[in-house]
Each structure stands twice: as C-alpha cells, then as structure tokens.
C-alpha cells in the first residue's frame, strides 16, 4: 500500500474500522483509492475477525 504522504489520522482510523473513506475537516470525502481495493478488503476482514474474537474472549472473562 502506498501513501502520497503521511496519512491523516482519520484515514488510519478508518482502516481499523473497515471503512475506506476519508474524513476531512469539511466532512466525509470519497473512498481513498489505496483503501478501496481487494487487498484492503481482505485486510479489513482479518481485522474484523480479530475484533470479533477479542470481544468474545473479553466477554467470557
């Protein structure tokens, strides 16, 4: 994945939440071209599965 510069906080945050959109000071922008591809979707699915598994572990504790 390539970045045109340092990513904005909300771009990185959205990667962890599985959202491929950027948040700008004026509101939501369109999908980020580097985050809307298949590789990102696979990565987002893995993160989602991890979050689901982690929430089950913490709920059982």
N, C-alpha and C. Protein backbone atom coordinates (compact mmCIF):
# COMPACT_ATOMS: atom_id res chain seq x y z
N UNK A 1 0.85 -1.17 0.00
CA UNK A 1 0.00 0.00 0.00
C UNK A 1 0.90 1.23 0.00
N UNK A 2 0.63 2.17 -0.84
CA UNK A 2 1.46 3.37 -0.90
C UNK A 2 0.66 4.57 -0.41
N UNK A 3 1.34 5.46 0.22
CA UNK A 3 0.71 6.69 0.71
C UNK A 3 1.32 7.86 -0.02
N UNK A 4 0.52 8.83 -0.44
CA UNK A 4 1.07 10.01 -1.10
C UNK A 4 1.82 10.92 -0.14
N UNK A 5 1.78 10.64 1.09
CA UNK A 5 2.43 11.40 2.14
C UNK A 5 2.03 10.74 3.44
N UNK A 6 2.18 11.43 4.51
CA UNK A 6 1.76 10.88 5.79
C UNK A 6 0.23 10.82 5.84
N UNK A 7 -0.35 9.67 6.19
CA UNK A 7 -1.81 9.57 6.21
C UNK A 7 -2.43 10.39 7.33
N UNK A 8 -3.60 10.89 7.09
CA UNK A 8 -4.32 11.62 8.13
C UNK A 8 -4.79 10.63 9.19
N UNK A 9 -4.98 11.11 10.40
CA UNK A 9 -5.43 10.24 11.49
C UNK A 9 -6.69 9.49 11.11
N UNK A 10 -7.67 10.18 10.54
CA UNK A 10 -8.94 9.52 10.25
C UNK A 10 -8.80 8.48 9.15
N UNK A 11 -7.86 8.63 8.26
CA UNK A 11 -7.62 7.61 7.24
C UNK A 11 -7.15 6.33 7.91
N UNK A 12 -6.21 6.45 8.84
CA UNK A 12 -5.71 5.29 9.56
C UNK A 12 -6.81 4.71 10.44
N UNK A 13 -7.56 5.56 11.14
CA UNK A 13 -8.65 5.09 11.98
C UNK A 13 -9.66 4.31 11.15
N UNK A 14 -9.99 4.82 9.98
CA UNK A 14 -10.96 4.15 9.13
C UNK A 14 -10.44 2.81 8.63
N UNK A 15 -9.14 2.67 8.47
CA UNK A 15 -8.58 1.39 8.08
C UNK A 15 -8.89 0.35 9.15
N UNK A 16 -8.77 0.75 10.42
CA UNK A 16 -9.01 -0.20 11.50
C UNK A 16 -10.49 -0.49 11.69
N UNK A 17 -11.35 0.36 11.24
CA UNK A 17 -12.78 0.11 11.37
C UNK A 17 -13.37 -0.47 10.10
N UNK A 18 -12.55 -0.69 9.10
CA UNK A 18 -13.02 -1.31 7.87
C UNK A 18 -13.69 -0.35 6.91
N UNK A 19 -13.51 0.93 7.13
CA UNK A 19 -14.12 1.93 6.26
C UNK A 19 -13.06 2.47 5.32
N UNK A 20 -13.38 2.56 4.05
CA UNK A 20 -12.39 3.02 3.08
C UNK A 20 -12.63 4.47 2.69
N UNK A 21 -13.21 5.25 3.59
CA UNK A 21 -13.46 6.66 3.29
C UNK A 21 -12.59 7.53 4.16
N UNK A 22 -12.31 8.71 3.69
CA UNK A 22 -11.50 9.66 4.43
C UNK A 22 -12.42 10.71 5.06
N UNK A 23 -12.03 11.16 6.23
CA UNK A 23 -12.76 12.25 6.86
C UNK A 23 -11.90 13.50 6.78
N UNK A 24 -12.45 14.53 6.16
CA UNK A 24 -11.75 15.80 6.02
C UNK A 24 -12.41 16.82 6.93
N UNK A 25 -11.77 17.96 7.19
CA UNK A 25 -12.39 18.98 8.03
C UNK A 25 -13.78 19.40 7.53
N UNK A 26 -14.01 19.29 6.23
CA UNK A 26 -15.30 19.70 5.68
C UNK A 26 -16.33 18.57 5.68
N UNK A 27 -15.94 17.38 6.07
CA UNK A 27 -16.86 16.25 6.11
C UNK A 27 -16.24 15.02 5.46
N UNK A 28 -17.07 14.05 5.16
CA UNK A 28 -16.59 12.81 4.57
C UNK A 28 -16.23 13.00 3.11
N UNK A 29 -15.07 12.49 2.73
CA UNK A 29 -14.64 12.52 1.33
C UNK A 29 -14.98 11.17 0.69
N UNK A 30 -14.67 11.02 -0.57
CA UNK A 30 -14.90 9.76 -1.25
C UNK A 30 -13.96 8.67 -0.75
N UNK A 31 -14.09 7.50 -1.33
CA UNK A 31 -13.23 6.40 -0.94
C UNK A 31 -11.78 6.70 -1.30
N UNK A 32 -10.89 6.33 -0.42
CA UNK A 32 -9.46 6.51 -0.67
C UNK A 32 -9.04 5.44 -1.68
N UNK A 33 -8.37 5.82 -2.77
CA UNK A 33 -8.03 4.83 -3.80
C UNK A 33 -7.16 3.69 -3.30
N UNK A 34 -6.30 3.95 -2.32
CA UNK A 34 -5.44 2.89 -1.80
C UNK A 34 -6.16 1.99 -0.80
N UNK A 35 -7.33 2.40 -0.34
CA UNK A 35 -8.05 1.62 0.66
C UNK A 35 -9.28 0.92 0.10
N UNK A 36 -9.61 1.18 -1.14
CA UNK A 36 -10.83 0.63 -1.71
C UNK A 36 -10.58 -0.63 -2.52
N UNK A 37 -9.36 -1.12 -2.53
CA UNK A 37 -9.05 -2.29 -3.36
C UNK A 37 -9.27 -3.60 -2.61
N UNK A 38 -9.08 -4.69 -3.31
CA UNK A 38 -9.32 -6.02 -2.75
C UNK A 38 -8.38 -6.33 -1.60
N UNK A 39 -7.12 -5.91 -1.71
CA UNK A 39 -6.17 -6.18 -0.64
C UNK A 39 -6.63 -5.54 0.66
N UNK A 40 -7.14 -4.33 0.59
CA UNK A 40 -7.64 -3.69 1.80
C UNK A 40 -8.84 -4.45 2.34
N UNK A 41 -9.73 -4.91 1.49
CA UNK A 41 -10.90 -5.63 1.96
C UNK A 41 -10.50 -6.91 2.69
N UNK A 42 -9.52 -7.63 2.15
CA UNK A 42 -9.04 -8.83 2.83
C UNK A 42 -8.46 -8.48 4.19
N UNK A 43 -7.69 -7.40 4.24
CA UNK A 43 -7.09 -6.97 5.50
C UNK A 43 -8.17 -6.53 6.48
N UNK A 44 -9.16 -5.81 6.00
CA UNK A 44 -10.25 -5.36 6.85
C UNK A 44 -11.04 -6.55 7.39
N UNK A 45 -11.22 -7.59 6.59
CA UNK A 45 -11.91 -8.80 7.06
C UNK A 45 -11.13 -9.48 8.17
N UNK A 46 -9.80 -9.51 8.05
CA UNK A 46 -8.98 -10.11 9.10
C UNK A 46 -9.08 -9.30 10.39
N UNK A 47 -9.03 -7.99 10.28
CA UNK A 47 -9.15 -7.13 11.47
C UNK A 47 -10.52 -7.32 12.11
N UNK A 48 -11.55 -7.40 11.30
CA UNK A 48 -12.90 -7.60 11.82
C UNK A 48 -13.01 -8.93 12.55
N UNK A 49 -12.44 -9.98 11.99
CA UNK A 49 -12.47 -11.29 12.65
C UNK A 49 -11.70 -11.25 13.97
N UNK A 50 -10.58 -10.54 13.99
CA UNK A 50 -9.82 -10.40 15.23
C UNK A 50 -10.64 -9.66 16.29
N UNK A 51 -11.28 -8.56 15.89
CA UNK A 51 -12.09 -7.79 16.84
C UNK A 51 -13.23 -8.62 17.38
N UNK A 52 -13.87 -9.42 16.53
CA UNK A 52 -14.97 -10.28 16.97
C UNK A 52 -14.46 -11.32 17.96
N UNK A 53 -13.35 -11.96 17.63
CA UNK A 53 -12.77 -12.95 18.53
C UNK A 53 -12.34 -12.35 19.85
N UNK A 54 -11.74 -11.17 19.79
CA UNK A 54 -11.30 -10.50 21.01
C UNK A 54 -12.48 -10.12 21.90
N UNK A 55 -13.56 -9.65 21.30
CA UNK A 55 -14.73 -9.28 22.11
C UNK A 55 -15.34 -10.52 22.76
N UNK A 56 -15.29 -11.67 22.10
CA UNK A 56 -15.78 -12.91 22.71
C UNK A 56 -14.91 -13.33 23.89
N UNK A 57 -13.59 -13.18 23.73
CA UNK A 57 -12.67 -13.53 24.82
C UNK A 57 -12.91 -12.63 26.03
N UNK A 58 -13.03 -11.33 25.80
CA UNK A 58 -13.22 -10.42 26.93
C UNK A 58 -14.60 -10.58 27.56
N UNK A 59 -15.60 -10.95 26.77
CA UNK A 59 -16.94 -11.17 27.33
C UNK A 59 -16.97 -12.42 28.20
N UNK A 60 -16.16 -13.42 27.86
CA UNK A 60 -16.12 -14.67 28.61
C UNK A 60 -15.29 -14.55 29.89
N UNK A 61 -14.47 -13.53 29.97
CA UNK A 61 -13.58 -13.37 31.14
C UNK A 61 -14.29 -12.83 32.35
